[in-house]
PDB file of N, CA and C in Angstrom:
ATOM      1  N   UNK A   1     140.875 125.888  96.214  1.00  0.00           N
ATOM      2  CA  UNK A   1     140.416 124.736  96.088  1.00  0.00           C
ATOM      3  C   UNK A   1     139.502 123.773  96.639  1.00  0.00           C
ATOM      4  N   UNK A   2     138.412 123.385  96.526  1.00  0.00           N
ATOM      5  CA  UNK A   2     137.751 122.518  97.614  1.00  0.00           C
ATOM      6  C   UNK A   2     138.111 120.848  97.318  1.00  0.00           C
ATOM      7  N   UNK A   3     137.967 120.414  98.569  1.00  0.00           N
ATOM      8  CA  UNK A   3     138.109 119.249  98.849  1.00  0.00           C
ATOM      9  C   UNK A   3     136.900 118.401  98.831  1.00  0.00           C
ATOM     10  N   UNK A   4     136.783 117.180  98.351  1.00  0.00           N
ATOM     11  CA  UNK A   4     135.423 116.503  98.429  1.00  0.00           C
ATOM     12  C   UNK A   4     135.385 115.581  99.548  1.00  0.00           C
ATOM     13  N   UNK A   5     134.491 115.504 100.247  1.00  0.00           N
ATOM     14  CA  UNK A   5     134.468 115.102 101.728  1.00  0.00           C
ATOM     15  C   UNK A   5     133.448 113.781 101.094  1.00  0.00           C
ATOM     16  N   UNK A   6     133.899 112.765 101.578  1.00  0.00           N
ATOM     17  CA  UNK A   6     132.932 111.474 101.277  1.00  0.00           C
ATOM     18  C   UNK A   6     132.458 111.065 102.570  1.00  0.00           C
ATOM     19  N   UNK A   7     131.357 110.897 102.571  1.00  0.00           N
ATOM     20  CA  UNK A   7     130.811 110.218 103.861  1.00  0.00           C
ATOM     21  C   UNK A   7     129.994 108.866 103.742  1.00  0.00           C
ATOM     22  N   UNK A   8     130.103 107.956 104.607  1.00  0.00           N
ATOM     23  CA  UNK A   8     129.349 106.702 104.827  1.00  0.00           C
ATOM     24  C   UNK A   8     127.612 106.871 104.967  1.00  0.00           C
ATOM     25  N   UNK A   9     126.746 106.503 104.046  1.00  0.00           N
ATOM     26  CA  UNK A   9     125.236 106.925 104.281  1.00  0.00           C
ATOM     27  C   UNK A   9     124.901 105.379 104.159  1.00  0.00           C
ATOM     28  N   UNK A  10     123.583 105.315 104.346  1.00  0.00           N
ATOM     29  CA  UNK A  10     122.819 104.043 104.331  1.00  0.00           C
ATOM     30  C   UNK A  10     121.259 104.691 104.187  1.00  0.00           C
ATOM     31  N   UNK A  11     120.877 104.336 102.971  1.00  0.00           N
ATOM     32  CA  UNK A  11     119.330 104.484 102.997  1.00  0.00           C
ATOM     33  C   UNK A  11     118.426 103.272 102.831  1.00  0.00           C
ATOM     34  N   UNK A  12     117.287 103.116 103.454  1.00  0.00           N
ATOM     35  CA  UNK A  12     116.207 102.665 103.528  1.00  0.00           C
ATOM     36  C   UNK A  12     115.088 102.809 102.877  1.00  0.00           C
ATOM     37  N   UNK A  13     114.671 102.361 101.899  1.00  0.00           N
ATOM     38  CA  UNK A  13     113.062 103.082 101.667  1.00  0.00           C
ATOM     39  C   UNK A  13     112.367 102.013 101.087  1.00  0.00           C
ATOM     40  N   UNK A  14     110.920 102.427 101.004  1.00  0.00           N
ATOM     41  CA  UNK A  14     109.825 101.501 100.846  1.00  0.00           C
ATOM     42  C   UNK A  14     109.270 101.639  99.897  1.00  0.00           C
ATOM     43  N   UNK A  15     108.930 100.563  98.979  1.00  0.00           N
ATOM     44  CA  UNK A  15     108.277 101.047  97.579  1.00  0.00           C
ATOM     45  C   UNK A  15     107.122 100.425  97.916  1.00  0.00           C
ATOM     46  N   UNK A  16     106.096 100.995  96.937  1.00  0.00           N
ATOM     47  CA  UNK A  16     104.821 100.755  97.068  1.00  0.00           C
ATOM     48  C   UNK A  16     104.656  99.102  96.475  1.00  0.00           C
ATOM     49  N   UNK A  17     103.552  98.432  97.076  1.00  0.00           N
ATOM     50  CA  UNK A  17     103.452  97.030  97.220  1.00  0.00           C
ATOM     51  C   UNK A  17     103.105  96.820  95.889  1.00  0.00           C
ATOM     52  N   UNK A  18     102.194  97.565  95.161  1.00  0.00           N
ATOM     53  CA  UNK A  18     101.351  97.114  93.769  1.00  0.00           C
ATOM     54  C   UNK A  18     102.792  97.285  92.509  1.00  0.00           C
ATOM     55  N   UNK A  19     103.930  97.553  93.012  1.00  0.00           N
ATOM     56  CA  UNK A  19     104.982  97.162  91.757  1.00  0.00           C
ATOM     57  C   UNK A  19     105.194  95.883  91.574  1.00  0.00           C
ATOM     58  N   UNK A  20     105.685  95.262  90.248  1.00  0.00           N
ATOM     59  CA  UNK A  20     105.452  93.965  90.036  1.00  0.00           C
ATOM     60  C   UNK A  20     107.198  93.712  90.483  1.00  0.00           C
ATOM     61  N   UNK A  21     107.611  92.487  90.912  1.00  0.00           N
ATOM     62  CA  UNK A  21     109.079  92.457  91.053  1.00  0.00           C
ATOM     63  C   UNK A  21     110.029  93.209  90.074  1.00  0.00           C
ATOM     64  N   UNK A  22     109.922  92.993  88.993  1.00  0.00           N
ATOM     65  CA  UNK A  22     110.849  93.787  87.931  1.00  0.00           C
ATOM     66  C   UNK A  22     110.604  95.000  87.892  1.00  0.00           C
ATOM     67  N   UNK A  23     109.679  95.549  88.576  1.00  0.00           N
ATOM     68  CA  UNK A  23     109.467  96.991  88.839  1.00  0.00           C
ATOM     69  C   UNK A  23     110.542  97.440  89.849  1.00  0.00           C
ATOM     70  N   UNK A  24     110.529  96.806  90.790  1.00  0.00           N
ATOM     71  CA  UNK A  24     110.938  96.887  91.952  1.00  0.00           C
ATOM     72  C   UNK A  24     112.487  97.075  91.946  1.00  0.00           C
ATOM     73  N   UNK A  25     112.880  96.071  90.945  1.00  0.00           N
ATOM     74  CA  UNK A  25     114.458  95.956  90.746  1.00  0.00           C
ATOM     75  C   UNK A  25     114.882  97.124  89.879  1.00  0.00           C
ATOM     76  N   UNK A  26     114.044  97.388  88.821  1.00  0.00           N
ATOM     77  CA  UNK A  26     114.233  98.512  87.968  1.00  0.00           C
ATOM     78  C   UNK A  26     114.121 100.120  88.864  1.00  0.00           C
ATOM     79  N   UNK A  27     113.395 100.001  89.875  1.00  0.00           N
ATOM     80  CA  UNK A  27     113.308 101.404  90.511  1.00  0.00           C
ATOM     81  C   UNK A  27     114.557 101.267  91.586  1.00  0.00           C
ATOM     82  N   UNK A  28     114.727 100.251  92.064  1.00  0.00           N
ATOM     83  CA  UNK A  28     115.923 100.333  93.048  1.00  0.00           C
ATOM     84  C   UNK A  28     117.428 100.606  92.202  1.00  0.00           C
ATOM     85  N   UNK A  29     117.394  99.898  90.966  1.00  0.00           N
ATOM     86  CA  UNK A  29     118.449 100.408  89.934  1.00  0.00           C
ATOM     87  C   UNK A  29     118.755 101.991  89.622  1.00  0.00           C
ATOM     88  N   UNK A  30     117.493 102.335  89.344  1.00  0.00           N
ATOM     89  CA  UNK A  30     117.422 103.882  88.948  1.00  0.00           C
ATOM     90  C   UNK A  30     117.982 104.613  89.842  1.00  0.00           C
ATOM     91  N   UNK A  31     117.398 104.077  91.272  1.00  0.00           N
ATOM     92  CA  UNK A  31     117.886 105.483  92.264  1.00  0.00           C
ATOM     93  C   UNK A  31     119.285 105.037  92.543  1.00  0.00           C
ATOM     94  N   UNK A  32     120.059 103.645  92.356  1.00  0.00           N
ATOM     95  CA  UNK A  32     121.580 103.668  92.460  1.00  0.00           C
ATOM     96  C   UNK A  32     122.304 104.200  91.612  1.00  0.00           C
ATOM     97  N   UNK A  33     121.638 104.354  90.507  1.00  0.00           N
ATOM     98  CA  UNK A  33     122.118 104.744  89.301  1.00  0.00           C
ATOM     99  C   UNK A  33     121.979 106.498  89.589  1.00  0.00           C
ATOM    100  N   UNK A  34     121.061 106.975  90.189  1.00  0.00           N
ATOM    101  CA  UNK A  34     121.298 108.348  90.270  1.00  0.00           C
ATOM    102  C   UNK A  34     122.501 108.987  91.257  1.00  0.00           C
ATOM    103  N   UNK A  35     122.439 107.935  92.357  1.00  0.00           N
ATOM    104  CA  UNK A  35     123.512 108.274  93.354  1.00  0.00           C
ATOM    105  C   UNK A  35     125.075 108.261  92.333  1.00  0.00           C
ATOM    106  N   UNK A  36     125.269 107.365  91.707  1.00  0.00           N
ATOM    107  CA  UNK A  36     126.527 107.347  90.958  1.00  0.00           C
ATOM    108  C   UNK A  36     126.643 108.557  90.217  1.00  0.00           C
ATOM    109  N   UNK A  37     125.432 108.928  89.558  1.00  0.00           N
ATOM    110  CA  UNK A  37     125.278 110.078  88.331  1.00  0.00           C
ATOM    111  C   UNK A  37     125.676 110.953  89.037  1.00  0.00           C
ATOM    112  N   UNK A  38     125.648 111.609  90.349  1.00  0.00           N
ATOM    113  CA  UNK A  38     126.098 112.523  90.913  1.00  0.00           C
ATOM    114  C   UNK A  38     127.287 112.390  91.790  1.00  0.00           C
ATOM    115  N   UNK A  39     127.937 111.340  91.539  1.00  0.00           N
ATOM    116  CA  UNK A  39     129.420 111.278  92.119  1.00  0.00           C
ATOM    117  C   UNK A  39     129.803 110.355  93.317  1.00  0.00           C
ATOM    118  N   UNK A  40     128.306 110.003  93.742  1.00  0.00           N
ATOM    119  CA  UNK A  40     128.564 108.958  94.832  1.00  0.00           C
ATOM    120  C   UNK A  40     129.186 107.543  94.384  1.00  0.00           C
ATOM    121  N   UNK A  41     129.273 106.612  95.345  1.00  0.00           N
ATOM    122  CA  UNK A  41     129.707 105.107  95.147  1.00  0.00           C
ATOM    123  C   UNK A  41     128.896 104.375  95.724  1.00  0.00           C
ATOM    124  N   UNK A  42     128.308 103.201  95.272  1.00  0.00           N
ATOM    125  CA  UNK A  42     127.475 102.032  95.974  1.00  0.00           C
ATOM    126  C   UNK A  42     128.399 101.230  96.731  1.00  0.00           C
ATOM    127  N   UNK A  43     128.395 101.089  97.837  1.00  0.00           N
ATOM    128  CA  UNK A  43     129.203 100.167  98.471  1.00  0.00           C
ATOM    129  C   UNK A  43     128.279  98.834  98.870  1.00  0.00           C
ATOM    130  N   UNK A  44     128.896  97.574  98.233  1.00  0.00           N
ATOM    131  CA  UNK A  44     128.219  96.331  98.141  1.00  0.00           C
ATOM    132  C   UNK A  44     127.057  96.460  97.566  1.00  0.00           C
ATOM    133  N   UNK A  45     126.080  95.497  97.594  1.00  0.00           N
ATOM    134  CA  UNK A  45     125.136  95.366  96.913  1.00  0.00           C
ATOM    135  C   UNK A  45     123.865  96.091  97.436  1.00  0.00           C
ATOM    136  N   UNK A  46     122.904  96.194  96.661  1.00  0.00           N
ATOM    137  CA  UNK A  46     121.404  96.522  97.043  1.00  0.00           C
ATOM    138  C   UNK A  46     120.953  95.358  97.671  1.00  0.00           C
ATOM    139  N   UNK A  47     120.445  95.607  98.979  1.00  0.00           N
ATOM    140  CA  UNK A  47     119.776  94.829  99.925  1.00  0.00           C
ATOM    141  C   UNK A  47     118.331  94.751  99.505  1.00  0.00           C
ATOM    142  N   UNK A  48     117.441  93.793  98.632  1.00  0.00           N
ATOM    143  CA  UNK A  48     116.023  94.025  98.245  1.00  0.00           C
ATOM    144  C   UNK A  48     115.591  92.747  99.342  1.00  0.00           C
ATOM    145  N   UNK A  49     115.206  93.562 100.472  1.00  0.00           N
ATOM    146  CA  UNK A  49     114.247  92.451 101.431  1.00  0.00           C
ATOM    147  C   UNK A  49     113.073  92.186 101.493  1.00  0.00           C
ATOM    148  N   UNK A  50     112.630  92.229  99.854  1.00  0.00           N
ATOM    149  CA  UNK A  50     111.004  91.930  99.736  1.00  0.00           C
ATOM    150  C   UNK A  50     110.190  92.366 100.157  1.00  0.00           C
ATOM    151  N   UNK A  51     108.899  92.099  99.987  1.00  0.00           N
ATOM    152  CA  UNK A  51     107.567  92.336 100.551  1.00  0.00           C
ATOM    153  C   UNK A  51     107.316  92.176 102.138  1.00  0.00           C
ATOM    154  N   UNK A  52     107.188  93.566 103.053  1.00  0.00           N
ATOM    155  CA  UNK A  52     106.584  93.373 104.412  1.00  0.00           C
ATOM    156  C   UNK A  52     105.895  94.217 104.844  1.00  0.00           C
ATOM    157  N   UNK A  53     105.357  93.699 105.557  1.00  0.00           N
ATOM    158  CA  UNK A  53     104.002  94.423 106.410  1.00  0.00           C
ATOM    159  C   UNK A  53     104.484  95.598 107.059  1.00  0.00           C
ATOM    160  N   UNK A  54     103.810  96.866 106.803  1.00  0.00           N
ATOM    161  CA  UNK A  54     104.491  97.973 107.620  1.00  0.00           C
ATOM    162  C   UNK A  54     103.938  98.027 109.043  1.00  0.00           C
ATOM    163  N   UNK A  55     104.725  98.828 109.893  1.00  0.00           N
ATOM    164  CA  UNK A  55     104.506  98.998 111.215  1.00  0.00           C
ATOM    165  C   UNK A  55     102.766  99.508 111.475  1.00  0.00           C
ATOM    166  N   UNK A  56     102.815 100.609 110.437  1.00  0.00           N
ATOM    167  CA  UNK A  56     101.458 101.313 110.537  1.00  0.00           C
ATOM    168  C   UNK A  56     101.283 101.526 109.062  1.00  0.00           C
ATOM    169  N   UNK A  57      99.642 102.144 108.819  1.00  0.00           N
ATOM    170  CA  UNK A  57      99.398 101.916 107.940  1.00  0.00           C
ATOM    171  C   UNK A  57      99.894 103.502 107.128  1.00  0.00           C
ATOM    172  N   UNK A  58     100.297 103.605 105.611  1.00  0.00           N
ATOM    173  CA  UNK A  58     100.988 104.625 105.277  1.00  0.00           C
ATOM    174  C   UNK A  58      99.971 105.083 103.879  1.00  0.00           C
ATOM    175  N   UNK A  59      98.934 106.022 103.813  1.00  0.00           N
ATOM    176  CA  UNK A  59      97.910 106.229 102.863  1.00  0.00           C
ATOM    177  C   UNK A  59      97.022 105.081 102.509  1.00  0.00           C
ATOM    178  N   UNK A  60      96.539 104.346 103.514  1.00  0.00           N
ATOM    179  CA  UNK A  60      95.799 103.002 103.386  1.00  0.00           C
ATOM    180  C   UNK A  60      96.808 101.821 102.645  1.00  0.00           C
ATOM    181  N   UNK A  61      98.040 102.030 102.724  1.00  0.00           N
ATOM    182  CA  UNK A  61      98.599 100.872 102.363  1.00  0.00           C
ATOM    183  C   UNK A  61      99.482 100.424 103.741  1.00  0.00           C
ATOM    184  N   UNK A  62      99.322  98.849 103.588  1.00  0.00           N
ATOM    185  CA  UNK A  62      99.756  97.940 104.791  1.00  0.00           C
ATOM    186  C   UNK A  62     100.838  97.171 104.653  1.00  0.00           C
ATOM    187  N   UNK A  63     101.600  97.303 103.250  1.00  0.00           N
ATOM    188  CA  UNK A  63     102.921  96.701 103.015  1.00  0.00           C
ATOM    189  C   UNK A  63     103.784  97.469 102.044  1.00  0.00           C
ATOM    190  N   UNK A  64     104.847  97.146 101.599  1.00  0.00           N
ATOM    191  CA  UNK A  64     105.624  97.523 100.893  1.00  0.00           C
ATOM    192  C   UNK A  64     107.203  96.961 100.569  1.00  0.00           C
ATOM    193  N   UNK A  65     107.709  97.046  99.403  1.00  0.00           N
ATOM    194  CA  UNK A  65     108.923  96.493  99.433  1.00  0.00           C
ATOM    195  C   UNK A  65     110.056  97.038  99.859  1.00  0.00           C
ATOM    196  N   UNK A  66     110.821  96.757 100.914  1.00  0.00           N
ATOM    197  CA  UNK A  66     112.000  97.158 101.794  1.00  0.00           C
ATOM    198  C   UNK A  66     113.250  96.962 100.621  1.00  0.00           C
ATOM    199  N   UNK A  67     114.045  98.231 100.607  1.00  0.00           N
ATOM    200  CA  UNK A  67     115.510  98.033  99.704  1.00  0.00           C
ATOM    201  C   UNK A  67     116.478  98.926 100.778  1.00  0.00           C
ATOM    202  N   UNK A  68     117.551  98.304 100.974  1.00  0.00           N
ATOM    203  CA  UNK A  68     118.439  98.994 101.754  1.00  0.00           C
ATOM    204  C   UNK A  68     119.872  98.982 100.898  1.00  0.00           C
ATOM    205  N   UNK A  69     120.220 100.355 100.776  1.00  0.00           N
ATOM    206  CA  UNK A  69     121.708 100.606  99.963  1.00  0.00           C
ATOM    207  C   UNK A  69     122.577 101.183 100.980  1.00  0.00           C
ATOM    208  N   UNK A  70     123.822 100.948 100.805  1.00  0.00           N
ATOM    209  CA  UNK A  70     124.913 101.989 101.337  1.00  0.00           C
ATOM    210  C   UNK A  70     125.694 102.424 100.492  1.00  0.00           C
ATOM    211  N   UNK A  71     126.215 103.616 100.600  1.00  0.00           N
ATOM    212  CA  UNK A  71     126.895 104.387  99.779  1.00  0.00           C
ATOM    213  C   UNK A  71     127.604 105.385 100.538  1.00  0.00           C
ATOM    214  N   UNK A  72     128.482 105.908  99.447  1.00  0.00           N
ATOM    215  CA  UNK A  72     129.396 107.185  99.669  1.00  0.00           C
ATOM    216  C   UNK A  72     129.229 108.264  99.155  1.00  0.00           C
ATOM    217  N   UNK A  73     129.206 109.476  99.548  1.00  0.00           N
ATOM    218  CA  UNK A  73     128.892 110.795  98.510  1.00  0.00           C
ATOM    219  C   UNK A  73     129.238 111.877  99.979  1.00  0.00           C
ATOM    220  N   UNK A  74     129.243 113.127  99.354  1.00  0.00           N
ATOM    221  CA  UNK A  74     129.484 114.115  99.925  1.00  0.00           C
ATOM    222  C   UNK A  74     128.068 114.405 100.352  1.00  0.00           C
ATOM    223  N   UNK A  75     128.062 115.648 101.204  1.00  0.00           N
ATOM    224  CA  UNK A  75     126.629 115.952 101.888  1.00  0.00           C
ATOM    225  C   UNK A  75     125.515 116.600 100.751  1.00  0.00           C
ATOM    226  N   UNK A  76     126.062 117.536  99.842  1.00  0.00           N
ATOM    227  CA  UNK A  76     125.210 117.727  98.567  1.00  0.00           C
ATOM    228  C   UNK A  76     124.676 116.839  98.006  1.00  0.00           C
ATOM    229  N   UNK A  77     125.134 115.661  97.375  1.00  0.00           N
ATOM    230  CA  UNK A  77     124.850 114.716  96.690  1.00  0.00           C
ATOM    231  C   UNK A  77     123.450 113.819  97.562  1.00  0.00           C
ATOM    232  N   UNK A  78     124.027 113.807  98.876  1.00  0.00           N
ATOM    233  CA  UNK A  78     123.162 113.233 100.121  1.00  0.00           C
ATOM    234  C   UNK A  78     121.771 113.780  99.768  1.00  0.00           C
ATOM    235  N   UNK A  79     121.817 114.916 100.253  1.00  0.00           N
ATOM    236  CA  UNK A  79     120.951 116.254  99.964  1.00  0.00           C
ATOM    237  C   UNK A  79     119.712 115.894  98.631  1.00  0.00           C
ATOM    238  N   UNK A  80     120.234 115.972  97.719  1.00  0.00           N
ATOM    239  CA  UNK A  80     119.790 115.496  96.421  1.00  0.00           C
ATOM    240  C   UNK A  80     119.226 114.258  96.467  1.00  0.00           C
ATOM    241  N   UNK A  81     119.624 113.149  96.846  1.00  0.00           N
ATOM    242  CA  UNK A  81     119.428 111.886  97.039  1.00  0.00           C
ATOM    243  C   UNK A  81     117.956 111.940  97.635  1.00  0.00           C
ATOM    244  N   UNK A  82     117.724 112.668  98.781  1.00  0.00           N
ATOM    245  CA  UNK A  82     116.749 112.708  99.652  1.00  0.00           C
ATOM    246  C   UNK A  82     115.681 113.631  99.015  1.00  0.00           C
ATOM    247  N   UNK A  83     115.772 114.814  98.070  1.00  0.00           N
ATOM    248  CA  UNK A  83     115.057 115.380  97.423  1.00  0.00           C
ATOM    249  C   UNK A  83     114.376 114.188  96.358  1.00  0.00           C
ATOM    250  N   UNK A  84     115.260 113.639  95.752  1.00  0.00           N
ATOM    251  CA  UNK A  84     114.550 112.443  94.470  1.00  0.00           C
ATOM    252  C   UNK A  84     113.635 111.489  95.237  1.00  0.00           C
ATOM    253  N   UNK A  85     113.907 111.004  96.482  1.00  0.00           N
ATOM    254  CA  UNK A  85     113.061 110.200  97.065  1.00  0.00           C
ATOM    255  C   UNK A  85     111.761 110.652  97.502  1.00  0.00           C
ATOM    256  N   UNK A  86     111.993 112.150  97.918  1.00  0.00           N
ATOM    257  CA  UNK A  86     110.713 112.868  98.045  1.00  0.00           C
ATOM    258  C   UNK A  86     109.548 113.103  97.080  1.00  0.00           C
ATOM    259  N   UNK A  87     110.220 112.919  96.017  1.00  0.00           N
ATOM    260  CA  UNK A  87     109.604 113.061  94.503  1.00  0.00           C
ATOM    261  C   UNK A  87     109.052 112.198  93.997  1.00  0.00           C
ATOM    262  N   UNK A  88     110.019 111.051  94.296  1.00  0.00           N
ATOM    263  CA  UNK A  88     109.713 109.624  93.322  1.00  0.00           C
ATOM    264  C   UNK A  88     107.756 109.171  94.056  1.00  0.00           C
ATOM    265  N   UNK A  89     106.802 108.700  93.025  1.00  0.00           N
ATOM    266  CA  UNK A  89     105.983 108.483  93.325  1.00  0.00           C
ATOM    267  C   UNK A  89     106.161 106.846  94.103  1.00  0.00           C
ATOM    268  N   UNK A  90     106.558 106.363  93.415  1.00  0.00           N
ATOM    269  CA  UNK A  90     106.916 104.835  93.973  1.00  0.00           C
ATOM    270  C   UNK A  90     107.360 104.492  95.361  1.00  0.00           C
ATOM    271  N   UNK A  91     107.962 106.010  96.185  1.00  0.00           N
ATOM    272  CA  UNK A  91     108.807 105.644  97.248  1.00  0.00           C
ATOM    273  C   UNK A  91     107.808 106.169  98.187  1.00  0.00           C
ATOM    274  N   UNK A  92     107.535 104.991  99.389  1.00  0.00           N
ATOM    275  CA  UNK A  92     106.442 105.368 100.490  1.00  0.00           C
ATOM    276  C   UNK A  92     107.020 106.287 101.484  1.00  0.00           C
ATOM    277  N   UNK A  93     108.071 105.569 101.713  1.00  0.00           N
ATOM    278  CA  UNK A  93     109.223 106.662 103.090  1.00  0.00           C
ATOM    279  C   UNK A  93     110.407 105.987 102.723  1.00  0.00           C
ATOM    280  N   UNK A  94     111.080 106.884 103.208  1.00  0.00           N
ATOM    281  CA  UNK A  94     112.793 106.648 103.232  1.00  0.00           C
ATOM    282  C   UNK A  94     113.357 107.051 104.483  1.00  0.00           C
ATOM    283  N   UNK A  95     114.493 106.580 104.768  1.00  0.00           N
ATOM    284  CA  UNK A  95     115.410 107.157 105.879  1.00  0.00           C
ATOM    285  C   UNK A  95     116.994 106.942 105.630  1.00  0.00           C
ATOM    286  N   UNK A  96     117.596 108.338 105.637  1.00  0.00           N
ATOM    287  CA  UNK A  96     118.731 108.266 105.174  1.00  0.00           C
ATOM    288  C   UNK A  96     119.681 108.119 106.770  1.00  0.00           C
ATOM    289  N   UNK A  97     120.630 107.500 107.003  1.00  0.00           N
ATOM    290  CA  UNK A  97     121.271 107.794 108.020  1.00  0.00           C
ATOM    291  C   UNK A  97     122.729 107.870 107.828  1.00  0.00           C
ATOM    292  N   UNK A  98     123.882 108.402 108.309  1.00  0.00           N
ATOM    293  CA  UNK A  98     125.078 108.602 108.477  1.00  0.00           C
ATOM    294  C   UNK A  98     125.743 107.331 109.267  1.00  0.00           C
ATOM    295  N   UNK A  99     126.633 106.761 108.146  1.00  0.00           N
ATOM    296  CA  UNK A  99     127.206 105.447 109.046  1.00  0.00           C
ATOM    297  C   UNK A  99     128.333 105.695 109.815  1.00  0.00           C
ATOM    298  N   UNK A 100     128.549 105.478 110.828  1.00  0.00           N
ATOM    299  CA  UNK A 100     130.075 105.477 111.793  1.00  0.00           C
ATOM    300  C   UNK A 100     130.754 104.462 110.911  1.00  0.00           C
ATOM    301  N   UNK A 101     132.348 104.900 110.798  1.00  0.00           N
ATOM    302  CA  UNK A 101     133.222 103.956 109.968  1.00  0.00           C
ATOM    303  C   UNK A 101     134.136 103.405 111.221  1.00  0.00           C
TER     304      UNK A 101
END
């Protein structure tokens, strides 16, 4: 019998700047729903930090919508989220960190 280990994570991702505000909300909600559907738990609310200038250009893009999400899940679910973010055309960059409790 395997015990499920839940770990606190935080993911920050940058969505493309050409999205409408409603699309940004929709994409952020889809990503959060994906975490929940794989057995993860969203902690608190999604922090939508709005459109910000990037520190450096990514594919000729100078700004993007920043979103921060805290969640709890097992290592396998975290790896799947990482894969999904890499495949998502709307996501310019992402970073998942393990939070200390």
